[in-house]
């Protein structure tokens, strides 16, 4: 039913179908056909519940079902025969790690509740994710004649493409928190790169988060390299944290600005692209977050795992901006702004089923609820078509 919905919704949208010529669309279509076949083959048996995470060597009544499922989806060879029919052995642990990696989970090999929930997700649901992904790729503007940056939010990953849509760079990212600070879907162009940027603290963050921190620790401003500025950008000397100062911070009469440097929350480089949400991409000193599988920790902006590499790629066509000058700008003392002669398209997208070049399919949580909303939109379009 959903595939019919997609076709009808596409005809109603009035949008171009250029995205259907992309490699991502083709790979997703192939994976969709494969997963439809897998869903019809699967017996849909539910794995038994567990009281505590399963470790290597533990006995488990669901081993036979686990082997059948992992074999079906390609995470363990079809020829595998366990030595013991109910032992969670090393081969199964390795297969579960691969399954976890493909489903946006921590690849620890332990069979916990989160992994069990993903294993028990019907393959028909994976088909639905692929169908939605296919329609998203179809609707996405596709212009291989220009380089571009594509940021897939539920995957927590950025990809940069050279002219001809040739993959050039890929990295992990941190995005906005799922609860209230979601990174928006947008399309824009990077027009400026700023080395050693100041962080002008947004007023909501200042009032709701930093003022309470300052009340708890009056040395917070100095410790975290902030300075006080007026709305016109004039620096104000700070002697002590007084009630008057706190009132000015709460009202917006004074603003907090973090000085440049490696401890700055924006790191050593910032990428600016005009948008109504005031979000941007930037370096970060909080590198440890990139080791996590789920990475929605920001206030909405996009933090980059390897910001220097992105700067090198973005500035590769700009005269005089070779790697050594970029490194010098990041290690310098001044804030330097570089206006691009040829702005680079950047877009944030929302695809929860991603097919790699080798055909391996990765599924991700619908952390912002966008897939559910998209499915409702398509269903309403189908209902409207039927009424018409």
Protein backbone atom coordinates (compact mmCIF):
# COMPACT_ATOMS: atom_id res chain seq x y z
CA UNK A 1 0.00 0.00 0.00
CA UNK A 2 2.77 2.47 0.88
CA UNK A 3 4.51 2.05 -2.47
CA UNK A 4 1.26 3.08 -4.17
CA UNK A 5 1.05 6.04 -1.81
CA UNK A 6 4.54 7.14 -2.78
CA UNK A 7 3.77 7.07 -6.46
CA UNK A 8 0.58 9.07 -6.02
CA UNK A 9 2.18 11.57 -3.63
CA UNK A 10 5.01 12.08 -6.10
CA UNK A 11 2.62 12.91 -8.90
CA UNK A 12 0.76 15.36 -6.66
CA UNK A 13 3.85 17.14 -5.39
CA UNK A 14 4.60 18.94 -8.63
CA UNK A 15 8.31 18.65 -7.83
CA UNK A 16 10.97 17.52 -10.25
CA UNK A 17 12.10 13.92 -10.10
CA UNK A 18 15.76 14.68 -10.71
CA UNK A 19 16.64 12.86 -7.50
CA UNK A 20 15.61 9.59 -9.10
CA UNK A 21 18.75 9.73 -11.24
CA UNK A 22 21.10 9.78 -8.24
CA UNK A 23 23.21 6.87 -7.05
CA UNK A 24 21.48 7.05 -3.65
CA UNK A 25 18.08 6.55 -5.26
CA UNK A 26 19.29 3.61 -7.34
CA UNK A 27 20.94 1.89 -4.39
CA UNK A 28 17.86 2.43 -2.22
CA UNK A 29 15.58 1.00 -4.90
CA UNK A 30 17.72 -2.13 -5.17
CA UNK A 31 17.75 -2.54 -1.37
CA UNK A 32 13.98 -2.05 -1.23
CA UNK A 33 13.41 -4.88 -3.68
CA UNK A 34 15.75 -7.09 -1.65
CA UNK A 35 14.10 -6.30 1.69
CA UNK A 36 10.63 -6.88 0.28
CA UNK A 37 11.80 -10.39 -0.61
CA UNK A 38 13.40 -10.87 2.82
CA UNK A 39 10.20 -9.74 4.56
CA UNK A 40 8.21 -12.35 2.68
CA UNK A 41 10.72 -15.07 3.63
CA UNK A 42 10.98 -14.25 7.34
CA UNK A 43 8.84 -16.17 9.82
CA UNK A 44 8.63 -13.05 12.08
CA UNK A 45 9.28 -15.06 15.25
CA UNK A 46 9.88 -12.82 18.26
CA UNK A 47 13.10 -13.35 20.19
CA UNK A 48 12.56 -14.20 23.88
CA UNK A 49 12.83 -11.37 26.39
CA UNK A 50 15.94 -11.13 28.58
CA UNK A 51 16.36 -10.07 32.20
CA UNK A 52 19.89 -8.76 31.74
CA UNK A 53 22.17 -8.17 28.73
CA UNK A 54 23.42 -11.36 27.14
CA UNK A 55 27.19 -11.84 27.15
CA UNK A 56 29.39 -14.21 25.15
CA UNK A 57 29.07 -17.75 26.50
CA UNK A 58 25.60 -17.23 28.01
CA UNK A 59 22.81 -19.67 27.28
CA UNK A 60 19.79 -18.26 25.43
CA UNK A 61 16.61 -19.94 24.23
CA UNK A 62 16.44 -17.69 21.17
CA UNK A 63 19.77 -18.68 19.60
CA UNK A 64 18.20 -20.59 16.70
CA UNK A 65 15.90 -17.68 15.81
CA UNK A 66 18.80 -15.24 16.20
CA UNK A 67 20.88 -17.27 13.74
CA UNK A 68 18.02 -17.47 11.22
CA UNK A 69 17.44 -13.71 11.34
CA UNK A 70 21.11 -12.70 11.17
CA UNK A 71 21.61 -15.13 8.28
CA UNK A 72 18.61 -13.71 6.43
CA UNK A 73 19.82 -10.10 6.66
CA UNK A 74 23.42 -11.03 5.85
CA UNK A 75 25.15 -10.43 9.18
CA UNK A 76 26.34 -14.03 9.51
CA UNK A 77 27.27 -16.54 6.74
CA UNK A 78 24.51 -18.93 5.68
CA UNK A 79 26.83 -21.90 6.26
CA UNK A 80 27.27 -21.14 9.98
CA UNK A 81 26.34 -24.01 12.31
CA UNK A 82 26.78 -23.41 16.06
CA UNK A 83 28.63 -25.91 18.20
CA UNK A 84 25.93 -25.56 20.88
CA UNK A 85 22.34 -24.83 19.92
CA UNK A 86 21.64 -22.47 22.82
CA UNK A 87 24.99 -20.73 23.49
CA UNK A 88 25.61 -17.13 22.52
CA UNK A 89 29.06 -17.81 21.05
CA UNK A 90 31.83 -15.65 19.59
CA UNK A 91 30.53 -15.92 16.01
CA UNK A 92 27.12 -14.67 17.11
CA UNK A 93 28.69 -11.85 19.10
CA UNK A 94 30.57 -10.71 15.97
CA UNK A 95 27.37 -10.92 13.91
CA UNK A 96 25.43 -8.91 16.48
CA UNK A 97 28.17 -6.25 16.45
CA UNK A 98 27.72 -5.93 12.70
CA UNK A 99 23.94 -5.74 13.16
CA UNK A 100 24.37 -3.06 15.84
CA UNK A 101 26.64 -1.01 13.58
CA UNK A 102 24.07 -1.17 10.79
CA UNK A 103 21.28 -0.03 13.12
CA UNK A 104 22.92 2.96 14.79
CA UNK A 105 23.64 1.14 18.07
CA UNK A 106 26.77 0.92 20.18
CA UNK A 107 28.59 -2.10 18.66
CA UNK A 108 29.43 -3.79 21.96
CA UNK A 109 28.20 -7.27 20.99
CA UNK A 110 25.98 -7.48 24.08
CA UNK A 111 22.40 -8.53 23.52
CA UNK A 112 20.60 -5.89 25.59
CA UNK A 113 17.09 -4.50 25.44
CA UNK A 114 17.89 -1.89 22.79
CA UNK A 115 19.51 -4.41 20.46
CA UNK A 116 16.74 -6.92 21.12
CA UNK A 117 14.13 -4.30 20.18
CA UNK A 118 15.87 -3.70 16.85
CA UNK A 119 16.17 -7.43 16.19
CA UNK A 120 12.46 -7.85 16.90
CA UNK A 121 11.49 -5.00 14.57
CA UNK A 122 9.58 -6.64 11.67
CA UNK A 123 11.32 -6.58 8.30
CA UNK A 124 8.11 -5.06 6.95
CA UNK A 125 8.99 -1.97 8.99
CA UNK A 126 12.43 -1.89 7.35
CA UNK A 127 10.66 -2.04 3.99
CA UNK A 128 8.63 0.99 5.04
CA UNK A 129 11.80 2.89 6.03
CA UNK A 130 13.32 2.14 2.63
CA UNK A 131 10.16 3.26 0.84
CA UNK A 132 10.20 6.56 2.70
CA UNK A 133 13.93 6.96 2.01
CA UNK A 134 13.33 6.32 -1.69
CA UNK A 135 10.71 9.07 -1.84
CA UNK A 136 12.96 11.46 0.05
CA UNK A 137 15.80 10.86 -2.42
CA UNK A 138 13.38 11.32 -5.32
CA UNK A 139 12.28 14.71 -4.01
CA UNK A 140 15.78 15.91 -3.18
CA UNK A 141 17.15 18.47 -5.68
CA UNK A 142 19.95 16.78 -7.58
CA UNK A 143 22.54 18.82 -9.48
CA UNK A 144 25.76 16.85 -10.05
CA UNK A 145 27.32 19.79 -11.91
CA UNK A 146 28.11 21.51 -8.58
CA UNK A 147 29.97 20.33 -5.48
CA UNK A 148 27.68 19.96 -2.47
CA UNK A 149 27.50 19.06 1.21
CA UNK A 150 24.74 16.73 2.38
CA UNK A 151 24.05 16.30 6.11
CA UNK A 152 21.84 13.35 7.07
CA UNK A 153 20.47 14.09 10.53
CA UNK A 154 19.30 10.65 11.82
CA UNK A 155 22.56 9.11 10.56
CA UNK A 156 24.66 11.78 12.34
CA UNK A 157 26.85 12.06 9.26
CA UNK A 158 28.08 14.65 6.76
CA UNK A 159 29.17 13.91 3.21
CA UNK A 160 30.84 16.26 0.75
CA UNK A 161 30.70 15.63 -2.99
CA UNK A 162 32.90 16.97 -5.77
CA UNK A 163 31.52 17.95 -9.16
CA UNK A 164 29.92 14.89 -10.74
CA UNK A 165 28.59 13.81 -7.34
CA UNK A 166 31.87 12.07 -6.58
CA UNK A 167 32.33 11.35 -2.83
CA UNK A 168 35.11 13.53 -1.44
CA UNK A 169 34.75 13.62 2.34
CA UNK A 170 32.69 11.98 5.07
CA UNK A 171 32.56 12.52 8.83
CA UNK A 172 30.53 12.13 12.00
CA UNK A 173 28.50 15.03 13.31
CA UNK A 174 26.63 16.09 16.45
CA UNK A 175 23.16 17.56 15.89
CA UNK A 176 20.39 19.23 17.91
CA UNK A 177 18.73 17.44 20.78
CA UNK A 178 15.64 15.45 19.85
CA UNK A 179 13.51 16.88 22.66
CA UNK A 180 13.36 20.62 21.90
CA UNK A 181 16.46 21.73 20.00
CA UNK A 182 16.20 19.88 16.71
CA UNK A 183 18.48 20.75 13.82
CA UNK A 184 16.17 22.00 11.05
CA UNK A 185 15.80 20.71 7.51
CA UNK A 186 17.16 23.39 5.20
CA UNK A 187 18.88 24.15 1.93
CA UNK A 188 21.41 26.97 1.64
CA UNK A 189 24.97 27.74 0.51
CA UNK A 190 28.15 28.09 2.53
CA UNK A 191 29.42 31.57 1.73
CA UNK A 192 31.86 32.26 4.59
CA UNK A 193 34.45 30.39 6.62
CA UNK A 194 35.54 31.97 9.90
CA UNK A 195 38.75 30.86 11.61
CA UNK A 196 39.01 31.26 15.38
CA UNK A 197 35.44 32.55 15.72
CA UNK A 198 33.93 34.23 18.73
CA UNK A 199 30.86 32.56 20.16
CA UNK A 200 28.13 35.13 20.62
CA UNK A 201 25.92 33.27 23.07
CA UNK A 202 22.25 33.19 21.96
CA UNK A 203 20.07 35.04 24.44
CA UNK A 204 17.95 31.98 25.36
CA UNK A 205 21.07 29.97 26.21
CA UNK A 206 22.48 32.91 28.14
CA UNK A 207 19.33 33.43 30.21
CA UNK A 208 18.28 29.81 30.76
CA UNK A 209 21.62 28.01 31.04
CA UNK A 210 24.61 30.28 31.61
CA UNK A 211 23.14 32.73 34.13
CA UNK A 212 22.27 29.83 36.50
CA UNK A 213 25.84 28.54 36.02
CA UNK A 214 27.21 31.97 36.94
CA UNK A 215 25.02 32.12 40.04
CA UNK A 216 26.37 28.75 41.18
CA UNK A 217 29.96 29.73 40.39
CA UNK A 218 30.77 33.48 40.18
CA UNK A 219 34.11 32.60 38.55
CA UNK A 220 32.30 30.85 35.66
CA UNK A 221 32.71 33.80 33.26
CA UNK A 222 36.48 33.98 33.75
CA UNK A 223 37.01 30.21 33.84
CA UNK A 224 35.25 29.70 30.51
CA UNK A 225 36.90 32.62 28.72
CA UNK A 226 33.75 34.73 28.35
CA UNK A 227 33.61 38.50 28.13
CA UNK A 228 30.70 40.90 28.57
CA UNK A 229 29.59 42.98 25.60
CA UNK A 230 26.85 45.50 24.91
CA UNK A 231 24.25 44.90 22.18
CA UNK A 232 26.50 47.05 19.94
CA UNK A 233 29.51 44.83 20.60
CA UNK A 234 31.44 47.03 23.02
CA UNK A 235 33.40 45.05 25.62
CA UNK A 236 32.49 45.90 29.23
CA UNK A 237 34.94 45.39 32.07
CA UNK A 238 33.82 42.93 34.74
CA UNK A 239 34.87 43.31 38.35
CA UNK A 240 32.46 41.14 40.34
CA UNK A 241 29.25 39.24 39.71
CA UNK A 242 26.56 41.44 41.23
CA UNK A 243 22.77 41.37 41.24
CA UNK A 244 22.88 44.26 38.78
CA UNK A 245 25.12 42.31 36.40
CA UNK A 246 22.88 39.24 36.59
CA UNK A 247 19.82 41.39 35.90
CA UNK A 248 21.52 42.89 32.83
CA UNK A 249 22.36 39.40 31.53
CA UNK A 250 18.79 38.22 32.10
CA UNK A 251 17.32 41.25 30.31
CA UNK A 252 19.75 41.28 27.39
CA UNK A 253 21.30 44.64 28.28
CA UNK A 254 24.60 42.73 28.38
CA UNK A 255 25.60 39.70 26.35
CA UNK A 256 28.14 36.93 26.90
CA UNK A 257 30.73 36.36 24.20
CA UNK A 258 33.30 33.58 24.35
CA UNK A 259 36.78 34.54 23.20
CA UNK A 260 38.56 32.75 20.36
CA UNK A 261 40.70 29.70 20.96
CA UNK A 262 40.71 25.92 21.30
CA UNK A 263 38.37 26.04 24.33
CA UNK A 264 35.77 28.09 22.47
CA UNK A 265 32.51 26.16 22.07
CA UNK A 266 32.72 26.67 18.28
CA UNK A 267 36.27 25.35 18.17
CA UNK A 268 38.69 26.82 15.65
CA UNK A 269 36.53 27.17 12.54
CA UNK A 270 32.94 28.00 11.69
CA UNK A 271 31.04 27.54 8.40
CA UNK A 272 28.32 30.10 7.70
CA UNK A 273 25.31 29.54 5.41
CA UNK A 274 22.39 31.99 5.48
CA UNK A 275 19.19 30.52 6.93
CA UNK A 276 16.23 31.69 8.99
CA UNK A 277 17.12 29.36 11.87
CA UNK A 278 20.53 30.95 12.62
CA UNK A 279 22.25 27.55 12.62
CA UNK A 280 25.70 26.83 11.22
CA UNK A 281 28.41 24.16 11.23
CA UNK A 282 31.46 24.38 13.43
CA UNK A 283 34.42 22.70 15.07
CA UNK A 284 34.14 21.64 18.72
CA UNK A 285 36.44 20.97 21.67
CA UNK A 286 34.06 18.20 22.86
CA UNK A 287 35.60 15.47 20.71
CA UNK A 288 34.58 12.61 23.01
CA UNK A 289 30.95 12.84 21.88
CA UNK A 290 31.88 11.51 18.44
CA UNK A 291 32.62 8.11 20.00
CA UNK A 292 28.93 7.66 20.81
CA UNK A 293 26.47 6.02 18.43
CA UNK A 294 23.66 8.49 19.11
CA UNK A 295 24.86 12.08 18.87
CA UNK A 296 22.02 14.58 19.41
CA UNK A 297 23.62 16.90 21.98
CA UNK A 298 23.73 20.40 20.47
CA UNK A 299 21.39 23.39 20.60
CA UNK A 300 20.64 22.94 16.90
CA UNK A 301 23.92 23.74 15.19
CA UNK A 302 26.03 21.01 13.58
CA UNK A 303 29.32 20.08 15.25
CA UNK A 304 31.97 18.52 13.01
CA UNK A 305 34.28 15.62 13.77
CA UNK A 306 36.99 16.85 11.38
CA UNK A 307 36.41 20.54 10.82
CA UNK A 308 39.89 21.19 9.45
CA UNK A 309 39.34 18.62 6.69
CA UNK A 310 36.08 20.29 5.74
CA UNK A 311 37.80 23.69 5.68
CA UNK A 312 40.46 22.30 3.34
CA UNK A 313 37.77 20.93 1.01
CA UNK A 314 35.59 24.06 1.09
CA UNK A 315 38.58 26.36 0.43
CA UNK A 316 40.32 24.18 -2.14
CA UNK A 317 39.28 26.51 -4.96
CA UNK A 318 40.15 29.72 -3.11
CA UNK A 319 43.46 31.31 -4.06
CA UNK A 320 46.09 31.19 -1.32
CA UNK A 321 44.22 28.86 1.01
CA UNK A 322 46.31 25.73 1.01
CA UNK A 323 46.52 23.40 4.00
CA UNK A 324 49.47 25.19 5.62
CA UNK A 325 47.65 28.53 5.64
CA UNK A 326 44.49 26.92 7.03
CA UNK A 327 46.49 25.33 9.86
CA UNK A 328 48.19 28.67 10.55
CA UNK A 329 44.83 30.46 10.67
CA UNK A 330 43.46 27.90 13.13
CA UNK A 331 46.54 28.18 15.33
CA UNK A 332 46.83 31.97 15.11
CA UNK A 333 45.56 34.65 17.45
CA UNK A 334 43.14 36.62 15.28
CA UNK A 335 39.67 35.87 13.96
CA UNK A 336 39.85 35.60 10.14
CA UNK A 337 36.80 35.60 7.85
CA UNK A 338 37.05 34.17 4.33
CA UNK A 339 34.29 34.99 1.83
CA UNK A 340 33.93 32.26 -0.80
CA UNK A 341 34.10 33.30 -4.44
CA UNK A 342 31.87 30.31 -5.30
CA UNK A 343 29.41 29.44 -2.48
CA UNK A 344 28.89 25.73 -1.91
CA UNK A 345 25.38 24.20 -1.63
CA UNK A 346 24.61 22.60 1.71
CA UNK A 347 21.46 20.78 2.72
CA UNK A 348 20.26 18.89 5.76
CA UNK A 349 18.16 15.83 4.98
CA UNK A 350 16.28 13.17 6.95
CA UNK A 351 16.83 9.60 5.73
CA UNK A 352 16.55 6.71 8.20
CA UNK A 353 17.54 3.97 5.73
CA UNK A 354 20.88 4.52 4.02
CA UNK A 355 22.41 2.15 1.48
CA UNK A 356 26.21 2.14 1.22
CA UNK A 357 28.05 1.82 -2.08
CA UNK A 358 28.64 -1.88 -1.37
CA UNK A 359 24.89 -2.43 -0.91
CA UNK A 360 24.98 -2.74 2.88
CA UNK A 361 21.84 -1.23 4.40
CA UNK A 362 21.96 0.89 7.55
CA UNK A 363 18.84 1.81 9.53
CA UNK A 364 18.52 4.65 12.03
CA UNK A 365 16.05 5.74 14.68
CA UNK A 366 13.35 8.22 13.70
CA UNK A 367 14.64 10.45 16.49
CA UNK A 368 12.77 13.60 15.41
CA UNK A 369 9.58 11.76 14.40
CA UNK A 370 9.92 13.03 10.81
CA UNK A 371 9.37 9.62 9.20
CA UNK A 372 6.09 9.19 11.04
CA UNK A 373 4.99 12.69 9.96
CA UNK A 374 6.06 12.04 6.36
CA UNK A 375 4.10 8.82 6.26
CA UNK A 376 0.98 10.64 7.49
CA UNK A 377 1.50 13.27 4.79
CA UNK A 378 1.66 10.62 2.10
CA UNK A 379 -1.40 8.83 3.47
CA UNK A 380 -3.37 12.09 3.43
CA UNK A 381 -2.27 12.71 -0.15
CA UNK A 382 -3.55 9.26 -1.12
CA UNK A 383 -6.84 9.85 0.68
CA UNK A 384 -7.26 13.17 -1.14
CA UNK A 385 -6.53 11.47 -4.46
CA UNK A 386 -9.14 8.81 -3.74
CA UNK A 387 -11.75 11.43 -2.76
CA UNK A 388 -11.04 13.37 -5.93
